[in-house]
Amino acid sequence: MTTETLTKLAATSRVPSVPARTESPPKKPNYESGYLPQPIEYPDSDGQPMAESDFQFEPLSYAVESLKIRFQDRPDVYVAGNIFFYYEEGQPAKVVAPDVLVVIGAEKRKRHSVKLWEEPKAPDFVLEITSKSTRSQDQGSKKGTYEFLGVTEYFCYDPTGDYLDPPLLGYRLKDGLYAPITPKVLSADTVVVPSQTLGIDLHVSGREFRFVDPITGQALRNLSESEQQRIEEQRLRIEERRLRIEEQRLRIEEQRLRIEAESKVRELEARLAASEKESPR
């Protein structure tokens, strides 16, 4: 091939052009795809009912209300019922829901859930209301969890008497393990188990559950019973005031009658003296 031919081929050949290099814009964080870690969610509820039946609900409600009233003047005592209790940060599956819990030394404020790492310590007192669906957990996994976490006292109450014998059981930590609290059996259907932590007795008679002040012997009242007591005390105060007013009225009336009688006596004495002066001797 001649030099002239090679020159012509070079002139007519097409060489692909290379585009100019440009800087691509920086990628923006894709938050929706999880580019940054999302906060861990700790649900407030599992959507399940608070209690299986009235047999479980009534003692649960009584326990929470009466304990809140008992410690209403203590800003460092937190009482809650049927609330999620998370005990390991970053692990939402590590959760239990005590029927009743009391933390002594915790701020009295409303909470969506209880997180152990946000509290000064684990609960001091836990009460579970046992039912058919919870009996194995109450005496098994839950008991082990509370023991591991250092819950000072743990109680189980069976309102129907079908699953626990006796229907009220108590445990207190001793050397890191739960030891049974010896109950006081007052009669065939009356059991008392003391709580050193709260300074009260748990009292079961028949199917009635009550907290009892061991000093006064009086049962703690729930909201309804406390309101009834307040109304009765107010009625008694009004009655006492009415009686005092009536006594005062009677004293005033008695004083008026006495003054009136003394006035009549003086008047009669004056007439008698005058008549004696006028009569001839």
Foldseek 3Di string as FASTA:
>chain_A
DDPVVVVVCVVPDDDDDDDDDDDDDDDDQDVVVCSDPDDDDQDWDPPDDQDDDPLQVVVLQWVQQLVCVVCVVPQQKEKDAQTWEAEDPPDNVRIDGFRIFMAGRFGHDDDSHHYQVVTPADTQETEHEDDPVCLCVLPPVVQVVCLQRPRAKYKYAHLVCPRDVVRIWMWGDDPSHTDTFDWDDPDPAWIWGDDPVVQWIWITGNNDTFTANPVVRDTGGGPVVVVVVVVVVVVVVVVVVVVVVVVVVVVVVVVVVVVVVVVVVVVVVVVVVVVVVVDDD
